[in-house]
C-alpha atoms as a PDB file:
ATOM      1  CA  MET A   1     -33.535  -4.651  12.598  1.00  0.00           C
ATOM      2  CA  ILE A   2     -32.235  -1.431  13.768  1.00  0.00           C
ATOM      3  CA  ASN A   3     -30.719  -2.794  16.976  1.00  0.00           C
ATOM      4  CA  PHE A   4     -28.661  -4.974  14.355  1.00  0.00           C
ATOM      5  CA  LEU A   5     -27.335  -2.004  12.147  1.00  0.00           C
ATOM      6  CA  LYS A   6     -26.366  -0.064  14.753  1.00  0.00           C
ATOM      7  CA  GLY A   7     -24.490  -3.075  16.509  1.00  0.00           C
ATOM      8  CA  PHE A   8     -22.338  -2.373  13.225  1.00  0.00           C
ATOM      9  CA  ILE A   9     -22.079   0.382  13.504  1.00  0.00           C
ATOM     10  CA  TYR A  10     -20.990   0.474  17.195  1.00  0.00           C
ATOM     11  CA  ALA A  11     -18.303  -2.686  15.760  1.00  0.00           C
ATOM     12  CA  TYR A  12     -17.181  -0.368  13.464  1.00  0.00           C
ATOM     13  CA  ASN A  13     -16.058   2.196  15.762  1.00  0.00           C
ATOM     14  CA  GLY A  14     -14.782   0.256  18.012  1.00  0.00           C
ATOM     15  CA  LEU A  15     -12.484  -1.144  15.599  1.00  0.00           C
ATOM     16  CA  VAL A  16     -11.512   2.871  14.349  1.00  0.00           C
ATOM     17  CA  VAL A  17     -11.053   3.735  17.723  1.00  0.00           C
ATOM     18  CA  PHE A  18      -9.042   0.918  17.769  1.00  0.00           C
ATOM     19  CA  PHE A  19      -6.754   1.835  15.261  1.00  0.00           C
ATOM     20  CA  ARG A  20      -6.682   5.343  15.652  1.00  0.00           C
ATOM     21  CA  HIS A  21      -5.370   5.420  18.954  1.00  0.00           C
ATOM     22  CA  GLU A  22      -3.641   2.073  19.125  1.00  0.00           C
ATOM     23  CA  ARG A  23       0.214   2.403  18.515  1.00  0.00           C
ATOM     24  CA  ASN A  24       0.342  -1.912  18.867  1.00  0.00           C
ATOM     25  CA  GLY A  25      -3.171  -1.440  17.210  1.00  0.00           C
ATOM     26  CA  ARG A  26      -1.455   0.165  13.906  1.00  0.00           C
ATOM     27  CA  ILE A  27       1.926  -1.804  14.304  1.00  0.00           C
ATOM     28  CA  GLN A  28       0.509  -5.196  14.391  1.00  0.00           C
ATOM     29  CA  LEU A  29      -1.525  -3.688  11.192  1.00  0.00           C
ATOM     30  CA  GLY A  30       0.893  -2.493   9.432  1.00  0.00           C
ATOM     31  CA  ALA A  31       2.377  -5.898  10.300  1.00  0.00           C
ATOM     32  CA  SER A  32      -0.952  -8.135   8.479  1.00  0.00           C
ATOM     33  CA  VAL A  33      -0.663  -5.762   5.594  1.00  0.00           C
ATOM     34  CA  LEU A  34       3.424  -6.620   5.165  1.00  0.00           C
ATOM     35  CA  VAL A  35       2.213 -10.346   5.545  1.00  0.00           C
ATOM     36  CA  VAL A  36      -0.507 -10.345   3.178  1.00  0.00           C
ATOM     37  CA  LEU A  37       1.495  -8.359   0.549  1.00  0.00           C
ATOM     38  CA  LEU A  38       4.388 -11.120   0.975  1.00  0.00           C
ATOM     39  CA  GLY A  39       1.573 -13.117   0.460  1.00  0.00           C
ATOM     40  CA  LEU A  40       0.686 -11.490  -2.499  1.00  0.00           C
ATOM     41  CA  LEU A  41       3.500 -11.701  -4.448  1.00  0.00           C
ATOM     42  CA  LEU A  42       5.342 -15.242  -2.634  1.00  0.00           C
ATOM     43  CA  SER A  43       2.065 -16.636  -4.247  1.00  0.00           C
ATOM     44  CA  VAL A  44       1.195 -18.826  -0.947  1.00  0.00           C
ATOM     45  CA  SER A  45      -2.003 -21.246  -1.732  1.00  0.00           C
ATOM     46  CA  LYS A  46      -5.176 -20.910  -0.429  1.00  0.00           C
ATOM     47  CA  TRP A  47      -4.946 -23.101   2.708  1.00  0.00           C
ATOM     48  CA  GLU A  48      -1.907 -20.882   3.359  1.00  0.00           C
ATOM     49  CA  TRP A  49      -3.510 -17.868   2.665  1.00  0.00           C
ATOM     50  CA  ILE A  50      -6.175 -19.351   5.897  1.00  0.00           C
ATOM     51  CA  VAL A  51      -3.760 -20.047   7.930  1.00  0.00           C
ATOM     52  CA  LEU A  52      -2.272 -16.687   7.362  1.00  0.00           C
ATOM     53  CA  LEU A  53      -5.633 -14.495   7.729  1.00  0.00           C
ATOM     54  CA  ILE A  54      -6.456 -17.107  11.107  1.00  0.00           C
ATOM     55  CA  CYS A  55      -2.844 -15.833  12.344  1.00  0.00           C
ATOM     56  CA  ILE A  56      -3.888 -11.672  11.802  1.00  0.00           C
ATOM     57  CA  ALA A  57      -7.374 -12.347  12.858  1.00  0.00           C
ATOM     58  CA  SER A  58      -6.699 -13.796  16.071  1.00  0.00           C
ATOM     59  CA  VAL A  59      -3.274 -11.719  16.885  1.00  0.00           C
ATOM     60  CA  LEU A  60      -5.427  -8.727  15.805  1.00  0.00           C
ATOM     61  CA  SER A  61      -8.636  -9.592  17.412  1.00  0.00           C
ATOM     62  CA  LEU A  62      -6.077 -10.287  20.742  1.00  0.00           C
ATOM     63  CA  GLU A  63      -4.639  -6.966  20.942  1.00  0.00           C
ATOM     64  CA  MET A  64      -7.930  -5.417  20.619  1.00  0.00           C
ATOM     65  CA  ILE A  65      -9.064  -7.351  24.053  1.00  0.00           C
ATOM     66  CA  ASN A  66      -6.248  -6.682  25.079  1.00  0.00           C
ATOM     67  CA  SER A  67      -6.792  -2.310  24.868  1.00  0.00           C
ATOM     68  CA  ALA A  68      -9.976  -3.359  26.357  1.00  0.00           C
ATOM     69  CA  ILE A  69      -9.246  -4.725  29.455  1.00  0.00           C
ATOM     70  CA  GLU A  70      -6.474  -2.352  29.554  1.00  0.00           C
ATOM     71  CA  LYS A  71      -9.107   0.912  29.253  1.00  0.00           C
ATOM     72  CA  LEU A  72     -10.846  -1.642  31.435  1.00  0.00           C
ATOM     73  CA  CYS A  73      -8.583  -1.690  34.707  1.00  0.00           C
ATOM     74  CA  ASN A  74      -7.615   1.947  34.119  1.00  0.00           C
ATOM     75  CA  LEU A  75     -11.362   2.891  34.878  1.00  0.00           C
ATOM     76  CA  VAL A  76     -11.972   0.777  37.560  1.00  0.00           C
ATOM     77  CA  HIS A  77      -8.852   1.058  39.508  1.00  0.00           C
ATOM     78  CA  PRO A  78      -6.578   4.647  37.984  1.00  0.00           C
ATOM     79  CA  LYS A  79      -4.054   3.901  40.586  1.00  0.00           C
ATOM     80  CA  PHE A  80      -0.844   1.294  40.575  1.00  0.00           C
ATOM     81  CA  HIS A  81      -2.093  -1.541  41.905  1.00  0.00           C
ATOM     82  CA  PRO A  82      -0.464  -5.250  41.642  1.00  0.00           C
ATOM     83  CA  ALA A  83      -3.038  -7.397  41.040  1.00  0.00           C
ATOM     84  CA  VAL A  84      -4.261  -4.978  38.237  1.00  0.00           C
ATOM     85  CA  LYS A  85      -0.547  -5.488  36.553  1.00  0.00           C
ATOM     86  CA  VAL A  86      -1.184  -9.394  36.666  1.00  0.00           C
ATOM     87  CA  ILE A  87      -4.719  -8.746  35.096  1.00  0.00           C
ATOM     88  CA  LYS A  88      -2.598  -6.613  32.447  1.00  0.00           C
ATOM     89  CA  ASP A  89       1.073  -8.710  31.775  1.00  0.00           C
ATOM     90  CA  ILE A  90      -1.152 -11.850  31.304  1.00  0.00           C
ATOM     91  CA  SER A  91      -4.154  -9.866  28.512  1.00  0.00           C
ATOM     92  CA  ALA A  92      -0.283  -8.876  26.960  1.00  0.00           C
ATOM     93  CA  GLY A  93       1.125 -12.543  27.392  1.00  0.00           C
ATOM     94  CA  ALA A  94      -1.542 -13.498  25.178  1.00  0.00           C
ATOM     95  CA  VAL A  95      -0.929 -11.103  22.299  1.00  0.00           C
ATOM     96  CA  LEU A  96       2.832 -11.578  22.522  1.00  0.00           C
ATOM     97  CA  TRP A  97       2.309 -15.285  23.111  1.00  0.00           C
ATOM     98  CA  PHE A  98       0.113 -15.543  19.419  1.00  0.00           C
ATOM     99  CA  SER A  99       2.587 -13.373  17.668  1.00  0.00           C
ATOM    100  CA  VAL A 100       5.160 -15.360  17.917  1.00  0.00           C
ATOM    101  CA  ILE A 101       3.132 -18.342  17.185  1.00  0.00           C
ATOM    102  CA  SER A 102       2.606 -16.648  14.265  1.00  0.00           C
ATOM    103  CA  SER A 103       5.373 -15.178  13.069  1.00  0.00           C
ATOM    104  CA  ILE A 104       6.790 -19.126  13.321  1.00  0.00           C
ATOM    105  CA  ILE A 105       4.038 -19.660  11.159  1.00  0.00           C
ATOM    106  CA  GLY A 106       4.443 -17.518   8.545  1.00  0.00           C
ATOM    107  CA  ILE A 107       8.333 -18.453   8.747  1.00  0.00           C
ATOM    108  CA  ILE A 108       6.891 -21.731   8.352  1.00  0.00           C
ATOM    109  CA  ILE A 109       5.169 -20.523   4.642  1.00  0.00           C
ATOM    110  CA  PHE A 110       7.393 -18.085   3.388  1.00  0.00           C
ATOM    111  CA  LEU A 111      11.169 -18.890   4.187  1.00  0.00           C
ATOM    112  CA  PRO A 112      11.151 -22.105   1.338  1.00  0.00           C
ATOM    113  CA  LYS A 113       9.603 -19.852  -1.071  1.00  0.00           C
ATOM    114  CA  ILE A 114      12.460 -17.254  -0.247  1.00  0.00           C
ATOM    115  CA  GLN A 115      14.942 -19.639  -0.499  1.00  0.00           C
ATOM    116  CA  HIS A 116      13.243 -20.819  -3.797  1.00  0.00           C
ATOM    117  CA  LEU A 117      13.543 -17.645  -5.305  1.00  0.00           C
ATOM    118  CA  ILE A 118      17.056 -16.954  -4.300  1.00  0.00           C
ATOM    119  CA  LYS A 119      18.312 -20.872  -5.464  1.00  0.00           C
END
């Protein structure tokens, strides 16, 4: 049971380190807070919340994995190496790809609600 609880402490520490030291993590967290506030303001449905929360969790998780991969690459090979660059680029590309798709999903959910308010 103690080891199980230690696992949560380690994971919590990872979240703290990520949001405290990773600029992109803070940017993504800020964007997530804006999405949640917009969702509350525009009264999104239960299913829309589910989709938005999955997008938020996925983008943040991918950003954390990307940061971990970059740190590991820098530890293993501190100097420039073409193969390490490819690994980092692919990892960052995964974050970008899901961020773009999540933005499109946000537009699909929020744009009609915003248009309805304007009319």
